Amino acid sequence: MSLAEALALFRRLGANVENMSQLEFRIRYFDIAKRYHPDRNPHNAELMANINSARTTILNSYRKSAS
């Protein structure tokens, strides 16, 4: 997943992560993960997989910008 796609997914879920610190992003991710987790909403399994992929992409971008 590209960074632009990851940012767009989180924007659709109500989190404008472009202006968040890494800590703020992690907190917001956990809020979103609780809401869309397949244990709570079985029909959201594919969405949750996309959210996790987007999370990895965004966290990698934080790491690259810190280097």
N, C-alpha and C. Protein backbone atom coordinates (compact mmCIF):
# COMPACT_ATOMS: atom_id res chain seq x y z
N MET A 1 0.85 -1.17 0.00
CA MET A 1 0.00 0.00 0.00
C MET A 1 0.90 1.23 0.00
N SER A 2 0.55 2.19 -0.82
CA SER A 2 1.34 3.42 -0.88
C SER A 2 0.97 4.32 0.30
N LEU A 3 1.83 5.27 0.58
CA LEU A 3 1.58 6.20 1.67
C LEU A 3 0.32 7.02 1.39
N ALA A 4 0.13 7.44 0.16
CA ALA A 4 -1.06 8.22 -0.18
C ALA A 4 -2.34 7.42 0.05
N GLU A 5 -2.33 6.14 -0.31
CA GLU A 5 -3.49 5.29 -0.07
C GLU A 5 -3.75 5.11 1.41
N ALA A 6 -2.67 4.94 2.18
CA ALA A 6 -2.80 4.75 3.63
C ALA A 6 -3.38 6.00 4.28
N LEU A 7 -2.89 7.16 3.88
CA LEU A 7 -3.40 8.41 4.44
C LEU A 7 -4.86 8.61 4.06
N ALA A 8 -5.22 8.26 2.82
CA ALA A 8 -6.60 8.40 2.37
C ALA A 8 -7.54 7.49 3.16
N LEU A 9 -7.10 6.27 3.46
CA LEU A 9 -7.92 5.34 4.23
C LEU A 9 -8.18 5.91 5.62
N PHE A 10 -7.15 6.39 6.29
CA PHE A 10 -7.36 6.94 7.63
C PHE A 10 -8.20 8.21 7.58
N ARG A 11 -8.06 9.00 6.53
CA ARG A 11 -8.89 10.20 6.38
C ARG A 11 -10.36 9.80 6.27
N ARG A 12 -10.66 8.75 5.49
CA ARG A 12 -12.04 8.27 5.35
C ARG A 12 -12.59 7.77 6.68
N LEU A 13 -11.71 7.27 7.54
CA LEU A 13 -12.13 6.77 8.84
C LEU A 13 -12.18 7.87 9.90
N GLY A 14 -11.90 9.09 9.51
CA GLY A 14 -12.03 10.23 10.40
C GLY A 14 -10.76 10.65 11.10
N ALA A 15 -9.61 10.25 10.60
CA ALA A 15 -8.34 10.62 11.23
C ALA A 15 -7.44 11.27 10.20
N ASN A 16 -7.22 12.56 10.34
CA ASN A 16 -6.32 13.28 9.44
C ASN A 16 -4.91 13.17 10.01
N VAL A 17 -4.22 12.10 9.63
CA VAL A 17 -2.94 11.77 10.27
C VAL A 17 -1.76 12.56 9.75
N GLU A 18 -1.94 13.34 8.71
CA GLU A 18 -0.80 14.10 8.18
C GLU A 18 -0.22 15.06 9.21
N ASN A 19 -1.06 15.55 10.12
CA ASN A 19 -0.60 16.54 11.09
C ASN A 19 -0.44 15.97 12.50
N MET A 20 -0.41 14.65 12.63
CA MET A 20 -0.30 14.02 13.94
C MET A 20 1.14 13.60 14.23
N SER A 21 1.46 13.61 15.51
CA SER A 21 2.74 13.02 15.92
C SER A 21 2.58 11.51 15.89
N GLN A 22 3.69 10.81 16.03
CA GLN A 22 3.64 9.35 16.01
C GLN A 22 2.80 8.84 17.18
N LEU A 23 2.91 9.44 18.34
CA LEU A 23 2.13 9.02 19.50
C LEU A 23 0.64 9.26 19.27
N GLU A 24 0.29 10.43 18.75
CA GLU A 24 -1.12 10.72 18.45
C GLU A 24 -1.67 9.73 17.43
N PHE A 25 -0.86 9.39 16.44
CA PHE A 25 -1.30 8.42 15.44
C PHE A 25 -1.56 7.06 16.07
N ARG A 26 -0.67 6.61 16.93
CA ARG A 26 -0.85 5.30 17.58
C ARG A 26 -2.13 5.27 18.41
N ILE A 27 -2.41 6.35 19.14
CA ILE A 27 -3.63 6.42 19.94
C ILE A 27 -4.85 6.38 19.03
N ARG A 28 -4.82 7.14 17.96
CA ARG A 28 -5.95 7.17 17.03
C ARG A 28 -6.13 5.82 16.35
N TYR A 29 -5.03 5.15 16.01
CA TYR A 29 -5.10 3.82 15.42
C TYR A 29 -5.83 2.85 16.35
N PHE A 30 -5.49 2.87 17.63
CA PHE A 30 -6.13 1.94 18.56
C PHE A 30 -7.62 2.24 18.71
N ASP A 31 -8.01 3.51 18.65
CA ASP A 31 -9.44 3.85 18.67
C ASP A 31 -10.14 3.26 17.45
N ILE A 32 -9.54 3.40 16.29
CA ILE A 32 -10.11 2.87 15.05
C ILE A 32 -10.12 1.35 15.08
N ALA A 33 -9.04 0.75 15.55
CA ALA A 33 -8.95 -0.71 15.59
C ALA A 33 -10.03 -1.30 16.50
N LYS A 34 -10.30 -0.65 17.62
CA LYS A 34 -11.36 -1.14 18.50
C LYS A 34 -12.72 -1.09 17.81
N ARG A 35 -12.95 -0.02 17.06
CA ARG A 35 -14.24 0.16 16.40
C ARG A 35 -14.45 -0.85 15.27
N TYR A 36 -13.42 -1.15 14.50
CA TYR A 36 -13.56 -1.99 13.31
C TYR A 36 -13.02 -3.41 13.47
N HIS A 37 -12.61 -3.79 14.66
CA HIS A 37 -12.03 -5.12 14.86
C HIS A 37 -13.04 -6.21 14.51
N PRO A 38 -12.61 -7.26 13.82
CA PRO A 38 -13.52 -8.34 13.40
C PRO A 38 -14.20 -9.07 14.56
N ASP A 39 -13.63 -9.04 15.75
CA ASP A 39 -14.30 -9.67 16.88
C ASP A 39 -15.60 -8.94 17.24
N ARG A 40 -15.63 -7.65 16.99
CA ARG A 40 -16.83 -6.86 17.24
C ARG A 40 -17.75 -6.81 16.02
N ASN A 41 -17.15 -6.75 14.85
CA ASN A 41 -17.88 -6.63 13.59
C ASN A 41 -17.30 -7.62 12.59
N PRO A 42 -17.81 -8.85 12.54
CA PRO A 42 -17.22 -9.88 11.67
C PRO A 42 -17.15 -9.50 10.19
N HIS A 43 -18.03 -8.64 9.73
CA HIS A 43 -18.01 -8.25 8.32
C HIS A 43 -16.89 -7.26 8.00
N ASN A 44 -16.14 -6.82 9.00
CA ASN A 44 -15.06 -5.84 8.80
C ASN A 44 -13.68 -6.46 8.71
N ALA A 45 -13.58 -7.76 8.49
CA ALA A 45 -12.27 -8.41 8.48
C ALA A 45 -11.35 -7.84 7.39
N GLU A 46 -11.88 -7.65 6.21
CA GLU A 46 -11.06 -7.11 5.11
C GLU A 46 -10.67 -5.66 5.39
N LEU A 47 -11.59 -4.88 5.92
CA LEU A 47 -11.29 -3.49 6.25
C LEU A 47 -10.19 -3.43 7.31
N MET A 48 -10.27 -4.30 8.30
CA MET A 48 -9.25 -4.31 9.36
C MET A 48 -7.89 -4.69 8.80
N ALA A 49 -7.85 -5.60 7.85
CA ALA A 49 -6.59 -5.96 7.20
C ALA A 49 -6.02 -4.74 6.47
N ASN A 50 -6.87 -3.98 5.81
CA ASN A 50 -6.42 -2.76 5.13
C ASN A 50 -5.94 -1.71 6.13
N ILE A 51 -6.63 -1.59 7.25
CA ILE A 51 -6.23 -0.64 8.29
C ILE A 51 -4.84 -1.00 8.82
N ASN A 52 -4.61 -2.28 9.06
CA ASN A 52 -3.30 -2.72 9.57
C ASN A 52 -2.19 -2.48 8.55
N SER A 53 -2.49 -2.72 7.29
CA SER A 53 -1.51 -2.46 6.24
C SER A 53 -1.19 -0.96 6.17
N ALA A 54 -2.23 -0.14 6.25
CA ALA A 54 -2.03 1.31 6.23
C ALA A 54 -1.23 1.77 7.44
N ARG A 55 -1.50 1.19 8.59
CA ARG A 55 -0.77 1.52 9.81
C ARG A 55 0.72 1.25 9.64
N THR A 56 1.05 0.10 9.09
CA THR A 56 2.44 -0.26 8.87
C THR A 56 3.11 0.74 7.93
N THR A 57 2.43 1.09 6.86
CA THR A 57 2.97 2.05 5.89
C THR A 57 3.22 3.41 6.54
N ILE A 58 2.27 3.87 7.33
CA ILE A 58 2.40 5.18 7.96
C ILE A 58 3.51 5.16 9.02
N LEU A 59 3.56 4.11 9.82
CA LEU A 59 4.63 4.03 10.83
C LEU A 59 6.00 3.96 10.18
N ASN A 60 6.11 3.28 9.05
CA ASN A 60 7.39 3.25 8.32
C ASN A 60 7.77 4.64 7.84
N SER A 61 6.78 5.44 7.43
CA SER A 61 7.09 6.80 6.98
C SER A 61 7.57 7.66 8.15
N TYR A 62 7.00 7.43 9.35
CA TYR A 62 7.49 8.15 10.53
C TYR A 62 8.95 7.79 10.80
N ARG A 63 9.27 6.51 10.67
CA ARG A 63 10.64 6.05 10.92
C ARG A 63 11.62 6.64 9.92
N LYS A 64 11.21 6.70 8.66
CA LYS A 64 12.09 7.26 7.63
C LYS A 64 12.33 8.74 7.84
N SER A 65 11.26 9.46 8.28
CA SER A 65 11.42 10.90 8.48
C SER A 65 12.25 11.20 9.73
N ALA A 66 12.30 10.25 10.67
CA ALA A 66 13.11 10.46 11.88
C ALA A 66 14.58 10.21 11.63
N SER A 67 14.90 9.47 10.57
CA SER A 67 16.30 9.12 10.28
C SER A 67 17.05 10.28 9.68
